[in-house]
């Protein structure tokens, strides 16, 4: 371990958030949210070479419950949306390296496409169907819920929230999958009422895309993640992990000075 990288002593966890594993460099809307396969492999290789330890969802749940410890430099790998490239591209790369992961599926669009990006004229991407989700589960990827329709939850009418949150778990069950233990807020948008709804729905953990690290006593329904983008070289990825738990202003100034792009939307 180099002096410039975090240790954690088995008492902290960092969570990585990916979307598509594909080269969409020609798509202005999605380019940053699609990490090319070669770069994804390079990310995993540099982390393994630097003695980061990938853990699975069971390890996270045990840690949060105070029933298990984490290895030093612990990482959890997650994917939002459940694109078909997870099965076709990412799973073989992870299998070669023995890396587990979690994926969050949009229960009302299994086998469909990223319709929420259509109005922005983005590339159409296919989503895994129920068979595909079962296949990734067999490959070591735990399947979680990502709502029913991928709507920004703070804007969803209260009467429709049950279908989006608890309903997504029910739909995955109806598709022949186990009840998902984990949930991810679309766009990372959440508030205390939504976190309470995720708990009441029966999920054991829920994930945001807020910066941070997971330490003992963390709220299981507001877990932070480090979003990883196509412009993140292996070096920039390591810098993000280094600064993940820093105060916001210090973190942002440091990462900008290091050339890390903080807003992939370009705004």
C-alpha atoms as a PDB file:
ATOM      1  CA  UNK A   1       0.000   0.000   0.000  1.00  0.00           C
ATOM      2  CA  UNK A   2       1.371   3.391  -0.946  1.00  0.00           C
ATOM      3  CA  UNK A   3       1.287   6.262   1.502  1.00  0.00           C
ATOM      4  CA  UNK A   4      -1.030   8.205  -0.852  1.00  0.00           C
ATOM      5  CA  UNK A   5      -3.819   5.643  -0.761  1.00  0.00           C
ATOM      6  CA  UNK A   6      -6.303   4.824   2.020  1.00  0.00           C
ATOM      7  CA  UNK A   7      -6.035   1.784   4.196  1.00  0.00           C
ATOM      8  CA  UNK A   8      -9.181   1.517   6.283  1.00  0.00           C
ATOM      9  CA  UNK A   9      -7.962  -1.171   8.667  1.00  0.00           C
ATOM     10  CA  UNK A  10     -10.993  -3.311   7.850  1.00  0.00           C
ATOM     11  CA  UNK A  11     -13.319  -0.673   9.318  1.00  0.00           C
ATOM     12  CA  UNK A  12     -14.348   1.102   6.132  1.00  0.00           C
ATOM     13  CA  UNK A  13     -15.844   0.165   2.809  1.00  0.00           C
ATOM     14  CA  UNK A  14     -15.831   2.077  -0.451  1.00  0.00           C
ATOM     15  CA  UNK A  15     -18.506   1.334  -3.030  1.00  0.00           C
ATOM     16  CA  UNK A  16     -18.020   1.839  -6.774  1.00  0.00           C
ATOM     17  CA  UNK A  17     -20.955   2.655  -9.067  1.00  0.00           C
ATOM     18  CA  UNK A  18     -20.817   1.811 -12.771  1.00  0.00           C
ATOM     19  CA  UNK A  19     -23.489   1.894 -15.459  1.00  0.00           C
ATOM     20  CA  UNK A  20     -22.802   0.477 -18.930  1.00  0.00           C
ATOM     21  CA  UNK A  21     -19.598  -1.345 -19.828  1.00  0.00           C
ATOM     22  CA  UNK A  22     -19.346  -0.268 -23.451  1.00  0.00           C
ATOM     23  CA  UNK A  23     -17.671   2.299 -25.705  1.00  0.00           C
ATOM     24  CA  UNK A  24     -20.214   5.057 -26.282  1.00  0.00           C
ATOM     25  CA  UNK A  25     -17.694   7.794 -26.960  1.00  0.00           C
ATOM     26  CA  UNK A  26     -19.792   9.063 -29.889  1.00  0.00           C
ATOM     27  CA  UNK A  27     -22.832   9.651 -27.671  1.00  0.00           C
ATOM     28  CA  UNK A  28     -22.749  13.069 -26.009  1.00  0.00           C
ATOM     29  CA  UNK A  29     -25.402  12.046 -23.472  1.00  0.00           C
ATOM     30  CA  UNK A  30     -24.047   8.680 -22.378  1.00  0.00           C
ATOM     31  CA  UNK A  31     -20.326   8.759 -23.170  1.00  0.00           C
ATOM     32  CA  UNK A  32     -19.245   9.289 -19.581  1.00  0.00           C
ATOM     33  CA  UNK A  33     -21.698   6.736 -18.205  1.00  0.00           C
ATOM     34  CA  UNK A  34     -20.316   3.923 -20.350  1.00  0.00           C
ATOM     35  CA  UNK A  35     -16.874   2.645 -19.386  1.00  0.00           C
ATOM     36  CA  UNK A  36     -15.197   0.796 -22.289  1.00  0.00           C
ATOM     37  CA  UNK A  37     -14.419  -2.866 -21.570  1.00  0.00           C
ATOM     38  CA  UNK A  38     -10.631  -2.453 -21.763  1.00  0.00           C
ATOM     39  CA  UNK A  39     -10.773   0.429 -19.294  1.00  0.00           C
ATOM     40  CA  UNK A  40     -13.049  -1.526 -16.954  1.00  0.00           C
ATOM     41  CA  UNK A  41     -10.551  -4.394 -16.970  1.00  0.00           C
ATOM     42  CA  UNK A  42      -7.739  -1.915 -16.299  1.00  0.00           C
ATOM     43  CA  UNK A  43      -9.703  -0.488 -13.359  1.00  0.00           C
ATOM     44  CA  UNK A  44     -10.036  -3.905 -11.758  1.00  0.00           C
ATOM     45  CA  UNK A  45      -6.425  -4.809 -12.450  1.00  0.00           C
ATOM     46  CA  UNK A  46      -5.000  -1.645 -10.907  1.00  0.00           C
ATOM     47  CA  UNK A  47      -7.169  -2.081  -7.817  1.00  0.00           C
ATOM     48  CA  UNK A  48      -6.178  -5.709  -7.373  1.00  0.00           C
ATOM     49  CA  UNK A  49      -2.517  -4.840  -7.923  1.00  0.00           C
ATOM     50  CA  UNK A  50      -2.819  -2.200  -5.176  1.00  0.00           C
ATOM     51  CA  UNK A  51      -4.249  -4.825  -2.812  1.00  0.00           C
ATOM     52  CA  UNK A  52      -7.836  -3.636  -2.710  1.00  0.00           C
ATOM     53  CA  UNK A  53     -10.169  -6.441  -1.686  1.00  0.00           C
ATOM     54  CA  UNK A  54     -13.535  -6.846  -3.408  1.00  0.00           C
ATOM     55  CA  UNK A  55     -16.332  -8.055  -1.143  1.00  0.00           C
ATOM     56  CA  UNK A  56     -19.879  -9.208  -1.869  1.00  0.00           C
ATOM     57  CA  UNK A  57     -23.275  -8.043  -0.641  1.00  0.00           C
ATOM     58  CA  UNK A  58     -23.306 -10.621   2.156  1.00  0.00           C
ATOM     59  CA  UNK A  59     -20.111  -9.127   3.570  1.00  0.00           C
ATOM     60  CA  UNK A  60     -21.596  -5.636   3.495  1.00  0.00           C
ATOM     61  CA  UNK A  61     -24.785  -6.738   5.242  1.00  0.00           C
ATOM     62  CA  UNK A  62     -22.866  -8.604   7.930  1.00  0.00           C
ATOM     63  CA  UNK A  63     -20.611  -5.586   8.483  1.00  0.00           C
ATOM     64  CA  UNK A  64     -23.553  -3.203   8.861  1.00  0.00           C
ATOM     65  CA  UNK A  65     -25.235  -5.611  11.284  1.00  0.00           C
ATOM     66  CA  UNK A  66     -22.083  -5.849  13.397  1.00  0.00           C
ATOM     67  CA  UNK A  67     -21.841  -9.562  12.662  1.00  0.00           C
ATOM     68  CA  UNK A  68     -18.780  -9.632  10.446  1.00  0.00           C
ATOM     69  CA  UNK A  69     -15.581  -7.793   9.677  1.00  0.00           C
ATOM     70  CA  UNK A  70     -14.221  -6.513   6.394  1.00  0.00           C
ATOM     71  CA  UNK A  71     -10.754  -7.020   4.967  1.00  0.00           C
ATOM     72  CA  UNK A  72      -8.505  -4.002   4.784  1.00  0.00           C
ATOM     73  CA  UNK A  73      -9.059  -1.797   1.717  1.00  0.00           C
ATOM     74  CA  UNK A  74     -12.508  -3.256   1.106  1.00  0.00           C
ATOM     75  CA  UNK A  75     -14.470  -2.448  -2.055  1.00  0.00           C
ATOM     76  CA  UNK A  76     -17.958  -3.330  -3.277  1.00  0.00           C
ATOM     77  CA  UNK A  77     -18.640  -3.159  -7.018  1.00  0.00           C
ATOM     78  CA  UNK A  78     -22.136  -2.114  -8.171  1.00  0.00           C
ATOM     79  CA  UNK A  79     -23.910  -1.522 -11.491  1.00  0.00           C
ATOM     80  CA  UNK A  80     -27.060   0.507 -12.073  1.00  0.00           C
ATOM     81  CA  UNK A  81     -29.704  -0.315 -14.726  1.00  0.00           C
ATOM     82  CA  UNK A  82     -28.676  -3.909 -15.624  1.00  0.00           C
ATOM     83  CA  UNK A  83     -27.673  -3.500 -19.257  1.00  0.00           C
ATOM     84  CA  UNK A  84     -27.040  -6.623 -21.322  1.00  0.00           C
ATOM     85  CA  UNK A  85     -23.335  -5.743 -21.468  1.00  0.00           C
ATOM     86  CA  UNK A  86     -23.126  -6.731 -17.796  1.00  0.00           C
ATOM     87  CA  UNK A  87     -23.678 -10.356 -18.751  1.00  0.00           C
ATOM     88  CA  UNK A  88     -21.946 -10.280 -22.130  1.00  0.00           C
ATOM     89  CA  UNK A  89     -18.893  -8.171 -21.272  1.00  0.00           C
ATOM     90  CA  UNK A  90     -18.462  -7.332 -17.588  1.00  0.00           C
ATOM     91  CA  UNK A  91     -19.181 -10.753 -16.073  1.00  0.00           C
ATOM     92  CA  UNK A  92     -16.374 -12.530 -17.982  1.00  0.00           C
ATOM     93  CA  UNK A  93     -13.940  -9.784 -16.985  1.00  0.00           C
ATOM     94  CA  UNK A  94     -14.964 -10.061 -13.332  1.00  0.00           C
ATOM     95  CA  UNK A  95     -14.974 -13.862 -13.387  1.00  0.00           C
ATOM     96  CA  UNK A  96     -11.370 -13.935 -14.603  1.00  0.00           C
ATOM     97  CA  UNK A  97     -10.420 -11.902 -11.531  1.00  0.00           C
ATOM     98  CA  UNK A  98     -12.773 -13.409  -8.962  1.00  0.00           C
ATOM     99  CA  UNK A  99     -14.634 -10.131  -8.409  1.00  0.00           C
ATOM    100  CA  UNK A 100     -18.252 -10.232  -7.102  1.00  0.00           C
ATOM    101  CA  UNK A 101     -20.745  -7.423  -7.646  1.00  0.00           C
ATOM    102  CA  UNK A 102     -24.300  -6.143  -7.228  1.00  0.00           C
ATOM    103  CA  UNK A 103     -26.604  -4.996 -10.052  1.00  0.00           C
ATOM    104  CA  UNK A 104     -29.778  -2.934  -9.707  1.00  0.00           C
ATOM    105  CA  UNK A 105     -32.482  -3.852 -12.216  1.00  0.00           C
ATOM    106  CA  UNK A 106     -35.454  -1.764 -13.369  1.00  0.00           C
ATOM    107  CA  UNK A 107     -38.226  -4.229 -12.673  1.00  0.00           C
ATOM    108  CA  UNK A 108     -40.830  -2.799 -15.022  1.00  0.00           C
ATOM    109  CA  UNK A 109     -38.499  -2.796 -18.016  1.00  0.00           C
ATOM    110  CA  UNK A 110     -36.883  -6.235 -17.955  1.00  0.00           C
ATOM    111  CA  UNK A 111     -35.745  -7.052 -21.474  1.00  0.00           C
ATOM    112  CA  UNK A 112     -36.532  -3.484 -22.563  1.00  0.00           C
ATOM    113  CA  UNK A 113     -34.367  -0.451 -23.219  1.00  0.00           C
ATOM    114  CA  UNK A 114     -33.190   2.760 -21.554  1.00  0.00           C
ATOM    115  CA  UNK A 115     -36.361   4.637 -22.464  1.00  0.00           C
ATOM    116  CA  UNK A 116     -35.607   7.381 -19.919  1.00  0.00           C
ATOM    117  CA  UNK A 117     -32.712   8.507 -22.155  1.00  0.00           C
ATOM    118  CA  UNK A 118     -34.748   8.487 -25.399  1.00  0.00           C
ATOM    119  CA  UNK A 119     -35.925  12.088 -25.141  1.00  0.00           C
ATOM    120  CA  UNK A 120     -32.282  13.151 -25.087  1.00  0.00           C
ATOM    121  CA  UNK A 121     -31.582  11.221 -28.296  1.00  0.00           C
ATOM    122  CA  UNK A 122     -29.179   8.914 -26.524  1.00  0.00           C
ATOM    123  CA  UNK A 123     -28.037   5.526 -27.757  1.00  0.00           C
ATOM    124  CA  UNK A 124     -30.590   2.773 -27.206  1.00  0.00           C
ATOM    125  CA  UNK A 125     -29.219   0.151 -24.829  1.00  0.00           C
ATOM    126  CA  UNK A 126     -30.800  -3.210 -24.088  1.00  0.00           C
ATOM    127  CA  UNK A 127     -31.644  -4.260 -20.537  1.00  0.00           C
ATOM    128  CA  UNK A 128     -31.313  -7.765 -19.176  1.00  0.00           C
ATOM    129  CA  UNK A 129     -34.469  -9.848 -19.039  1.00  0.00           C
ATOM    130  CA  UNK A 130     -35.281 -12.255 -16.203  1.00  0.00           C
ATOM    131  CA  UNK A 131     -33.178 -15.040 -17.731  1.00  0.00           C
ATOM    132  CA  UNK A 132     -30.252 -12.649 -18.069  1.00  0.00           C
ATOM    133  CA  UNK A 133     -30.578 -11.567 -14.455  1.00  0.00           C
ATOM    134  CA  UNK A 134     -30.595 -15.194 -13.340  1.00  0.00           C
ATOM    135  CA  UNK A 135     -27.456 -15.739 -15.414  1.00  0.00           C
ATOM    136  CA  UNK A 136     -25.578 -12.856 -13.796  1.00  0.00           C
ATOM    137  CA  UNK A 137     -26.702 -14.073 -10.367  1.00  0.00           C
ATOM    138  CA  UNK A 138     -25.155 -17.454 -11.129  1.00  0.00           C
ATOM    139  CA  UNK A 139     -21.981 -15.586 -12.093  1.00  0.00           C
ATOM    140  CA  UNK A 140     -21.700 -13.972  -8.652  1.00  0.00           C
ATOM    141  CA  UNK A 141     -23.682 -10.757  -9.154  1.00  0.00           C
ATOM    142  CA  UNK A 142     -26.421 -10.149  -6.580  1.00  0.00           C
ATOM    143  CA  UNK A 143     -29.573  -8.692  -8.154  1.00  0.00           C
ATOM    144  CA  UNK A 144     -31.102  -5.667  -6.458  1.00  0.00           C
ATOM    145  CA  UNK A 145     -33.969  -3.320  -7.358  1.00  0.00           C
ATOM    146  CA  UNK A 146     -33.735   0.042  -9.125  1.00  0.00           C
ATOM    147  CA  UNK A 147     -37.446   0.962  -9.019  1.00  0.00           C
ATOM    148  CA  UNK A 148     -40.105  -0.118 -11.492  1.00  0.00           C
ATOM    149  CA  UNK A 149     -39.726   2.619 -14.119  1.00  0.00           C
ATOM    150  CA  UNK A 150     -36.466   4.515 -13.398  1.00  0.00           C
ATOM    151  CA  UNK A 151     -38.210   7.715 -12.373  1.00  0.00           C
ATOM    152  CA  UNK A 152     -36.587  10.339 -10.095  1.00  0.00           C
ATOM    153  CA  UNK A 153     -38.299   9.373  -6.868  1.00  0.00           C
ATOM    154  CA  UNK A 154     -38.556  12.829  -5.231  1.00  0.00           C
ATOM    155  CA  UNK A 155     -40.823  13.838  -8.145  1.00  0.00           C
ATOM    156  CA  UNK A 156     -43.057  10.758  -8.051  1.00  0.00           C
ATOM    157  CA  UNK A 157     -46.559  11.350  -6.583  1.00  0.00           C
ATOM    158  CA  UNK A 158     -46.883   9.769  -3.159  1.00  0.00           C
ATOM    159  CA  UNK A 159     -49.671   7.490  -4.330  1.00  0.00           C
ATOM    160  CA  UNK A 160     -47.309   5.934  -6.890  1.00  0.00           C
ATOM    161  CA  UNK A 161     -44.279   5.459  -4.655  1.00  0.00           C
ATOM    162  CA  UNK A 162     -45.260   2.016  -3.427  1.00  0.00           C
ATOM    163  CA  UNK A 163     -45.271   0.680  -6.984  1.00  0.00           C
ATOM    164  CA  UNK A 164     -41.888   2.226  -7.704  1.00  0.00           C
ATOM    165  CA  UNK A 165     -40.156   1.090  -4.499  1.00  0.00           C
ATOM    166  CA  UNK A 166     -41.807  -1.999  -3.007  1.00  0.00           C
ATOM    167  CA  UNK A 167     -43.408  -2.821  -6.351  1.00  0.00           C
ATOM    168  CA  UNK A 168     -40.043  -3.229  -8.021  1.00  0.00           C
ATOM    169  CA  UNK A 169     -39.174  -5.993  -5.577  1.00  0.00           C
ATOM    170  CA  UNK A 170     -42.517  -7.674  -6.125  1.00  0.00           C
ATOM    171  CA  UNK A 171     -42.082  -7.583  -9.903  1.00  0.00           C
ATOM    172  CA  UNK A 172     -38.644  -9.167  -9.664  1.00  0.00           C
ATOM    173  CA  UNK A 173     -40.159 -11.927  -7.554  1.00  0.00           C
ATOM    174  CA  UNK A 174     -42.937 -12.409 -10.096  1.00  0.00           C
ATOM    175  CA  UNK A 175     -40.217 -12.791 -12.741  1.00  0.00           C
ATOM    176  CA  UNK A 176     -38.861 -15.761 -10.792  1.00  0.00           C
ATOM    177  CA  UNK A 177     -36.038 -14.005  -8.967  1.00  0.00           C
ATOM    178  CA  UNK A 178     -35.469 -13.911  -5.195  1.00  0.00           C
ATOM    179  CA  UNK A 179     -36.721 -10.901  -3.264  1.00  0.00           C
ATOM    180  CA  UNK A 180     -33.957  -8.291  -3.740  1.00  0.00           C
ATOM    181  CA  UNK A 181     -32.145  -7.402  -0.549  1.00  0.00           C
ATOM    182  CA  UNK A 182     -30.761  -4.163  -1.964  1.00  0.00           C
ATOM    183  CA  UNK A 183     -32.183  -1.057  -3.648  1.00  0.00           C
ATOM    184  CA  UNK A 184     -30.649   1.825  -5.588  1.00  0.00           C
ATOM    185  CA  UNK A 185     -32.259   5.269  -5.980  1.00  0.00           C
ATOM    186  CA  UNK A 186     -32.446   6.357  -9.662  1.00  0.00           C
ATOM    187  CA  UNK A 187     -30.076   9.257 -10.333  1.00  0.00           C
ATOM    188  CA  UNK A 188     -29.050   8.907  -6.702  1.00  0.00           C
ATOM    189  CA  UNK A 189     -31.975  11.149  -5.700  1.00  0.00           C
ATOM    190  CA  UNK A 190     -33.355  10.422  -2.252  1.00  0.00           C
ATOM    191  CA  UNK A 191     -34.718  12.045   0.881  1.00  0.00           C
ATOM    192  CA  UNK A 192     -35.492  10.754   4.385  1.00  0.00           C
ATOM    193  CA  UNK A 193     -39.044   9.757   3.441  1.00  0.00           C
ATOM    194  CA  UNK A 194     -37.778   7.688   0.509  1.00  0.00           C
ATOM    195  CA  UNK A 195     -35.141   6.030   2.702  1.00  0.00           C
ATOM    196  CA  UNK A 196     -37.906   5.134   5.167  1.00  0.00           C
ATOM    197  CA  UNK A 197     -40.011   3.725   2.325  1.00  0.00           C
ATOM    198  CA  UNK A 198     -37.106   1.554   1.165  1.00  0.00           C
ATOM    199  CA  UNK A 199     -36.755   0.185   4.697  1.00  0.00           C
ATOM    200  CA  UNK A 200     -40.490  -0.438   5.041  1.00  0.00           C
ATOM    201  CA  UNK A 201     -40.531  -2.214   1.668  1.00  0.00           C
ATOM    202  CA  UNK A 202     -38.209  -4.854   3.096  1.00  0.00           C
ATOM    203  CA  UNK A 203     -34.894  -3.969   1.493  1.00  0.00           C
ATOM    204  CA  UNK A 204     -31.910  -4.402   3.784  1.00  0.00           C
ATOM    205  CA  UNK A 205     -29.807  -1.640   2.215  1.00  0.00           C
ATOM    206  CA  UNK A 206     -30.277   1.225  -0.243  1.00  0.00           C
ATOM    207  CA  UNK A 207     -27.636   3.068  -2.240  1.00  0.00           C
ATOM    208  CA  UNK A 208     -27.196   6.702  -3.257  1.00  0.00           C
ATOM    209  CA  UNK A 209     -24.480   8.278  -5.388  1.00  0.00           C
ATOM    210  CA  UNK A 210     -23.439  10.685  -2.647  1.00  0.00           C
ATOM    211  CA  UNK A 211     -19.727  10.775  -1.918  1.00  0.00           C
ATOM    212  CA  UNK A 212     -18.491   8.992   1.171  1.00  0.00           C
ATOM    213  CA  UNK A 213     -17.224   5.815   2.752  1.00  0.00           C
ATOM    214  CA  UNK A 214     -19.175   3.225   4.732  1.00  0.00           C
ATOM    215  CA  UNK A 215     -18.109   2.975   8.364  1.00  0.00           C
ATOM    216  CA  UNK A 216     -19.576   1.143  11.374  1.00  0.00           C
ATOM    217  CA  UNK A 217     -22.932   2.654  12.296  1.00  0.00           C
ATOM    218  CA  UNK A 218     -23.674   3.870   8.764  1.00  0.00           C
ATOM    219  CA  UNK A 219     -27.325   4.302   7.793  1.00  0.00           C
ATOM    220  CA  UNK A 220     -28.083   1.217   5.655  1.00  0.00           C
ATOM    221  CA  UNK A 221     -30.576   3.200   3.539  1.00  0.00           C
ATOM    222  CA  UNK A 222     -28.300   6.082   2.500  1.00  0.00           C
ATOM    223  CA  UNK A 223     -25.122   4.239   1.556  1.00  0.00           C
ATOM    224  CA  UNK A 224     -22.666   6.376  -0.447  1.00  0.00           C
ATOM    225  CA  UNK A 225     -21.002   5.312  -3.678  1.00  0.00           C
ATOM    226  CA  UNK A 226     -18.191   6.631  -5.852  1.00  0.00           C
ATOM    227  CA  UNK A 227     -19.455   7.006  -9.425  1.00  0.00           C
ATOM    228  CA  UNK A 228     -16.950   5.870 -12.030  1.00  0.00           C
ATOM    229  CA  UNK A 229     -16.938   7.360 -15.531  1.00  0.00           C
ATOM    230  CA  UNK A 230     -15.291   6.845 -18.892  1.00  0.00           C
ATOM    231  CA  UNK A 231     -12.865   9.711 -18.292  1.00  0.00           C
ATOM    232  CA  UNK A 232     -11.566   8.034 -15.130  1.00  0.00           C
ATOM    233  CA  UNK A 233      -8.206   6.542 -15.922  1.00  0.00           C
ATOM    234  CA  UNK A 234      -6.899   3.987 -13.416  1.00  0.00           C
ATOM    235  CA  UNK A 235      -4.970   6.832 -11.762  1.00  0.00           C
ATOM    236  CA  UNK A 236      -8.079   9.033 -11.501  1.00  0.00           C
ATOM    237  CA  UNK A 237     -10.038   6.108 -10.109  1.00  0.00           C
ATOM    238  CA  UNK A 238      -7.465   5.700  -7.344  1.00  0.00           C
ATOM    239  CA  UNK A 239      -7.626   9.436  -6.612  1.00  0.00           C
ATOM    240  CA  UNK A 240     -11.406   9.233  -6.274  1.00  0.00           C
ATOM    241  CA  UNK A 241     -11.054   6.410  -3.776  1.00  0.00           C
ATOM    242  CA  UNK A 242      -8.438   8.371  -1.854  1.00  0.00           C
ATOM    243  CA  UNK A 243     -10.662  11.441  -1.539  1.00  0.00           C
ATOM    244  CA  UNK A 244     -14.026   9.655  -1.183  1.00  0.00           C
ATOM    245  CA  UNK A 245     -14.423  10.404   2.521  1.00  0.00           C
ATOM    246  CA  UNK A 246     -12.954  13.912   2.555  1.00  0.00           C
ATOM    247  CA  UNK A 247     -15.022  17.060   3.248  1.00  0.00           C
ATOM    248  CA  UNK A 248     -16.777  18.145   0.066  1.00  0.00           C
ATOM    249  CA  UNK A 249     -14.940  21.370  -0.728  1.00  0.00           C
ATOM    250  CA  UNK A 250     -11.502  19.898  -0.053  1.00  0.00           C
ATOM    251  CA  UNK A 251     -12.352  16.801  -2.094  1.00  0.00           C
ATOM    252  CA  UNK A 252     -13.660  18.744  -5.073  1.00  0.00           C
ATOM    253  CA  UNK A 253     -10.745  21.180  -5.176  1.00  0.00           C
ATOM    254  CA  UNK A 254      -8.231  18.348  -4.930  1.00  0.00           C
ATOM    255  CA  UNK A 255      -9.865  16.239  -7.634  1.00  0.00           C
ATOM    256  CA  UNK A 256     -10.222  19.171 -10.028  1.00  0.00           C
ATOM    257  CA  UNK A 257      -6.552  20.011  -9.548  1.00  0.00           C
ATOM    258  CA  UNK A 258      -5.770  16.380 -10.377  1.00  0.00           C
ATOM    259  CA  UNK A 259      -7.779  16.618 -13.599  1.00  0.00           C
ATOM    260  CA  UNK A 260     -10.762  14.525 -12.475  1.00  0.00           C
ATOM    261  CA  UNK A 261     -14.054  15.452 -14.136  1.00  0.00           C
ATOM    262  CA  UNK A 262     -16.653  15.793 -11.385  1.00  0.00           C
ATOM    263  CA  UNK A 263     -19.781  16.508 -13.442  1.00  0.00           C
ATOM    264  CA  UNK A 264     -20.158  14.054 -16.312  1.00  0.00           C
ATOM    265  CA  UNK A 265     -23.300  15.820 -17.519  1.00  0.00           C
ATOM    266  CA  UNK A 266     -21.129  18.707 -18.665  1.00  0.00           C
ATOM    267  CA  UNK A 267     -23.219  21.258 -16.789  1.00  0.00           C
END
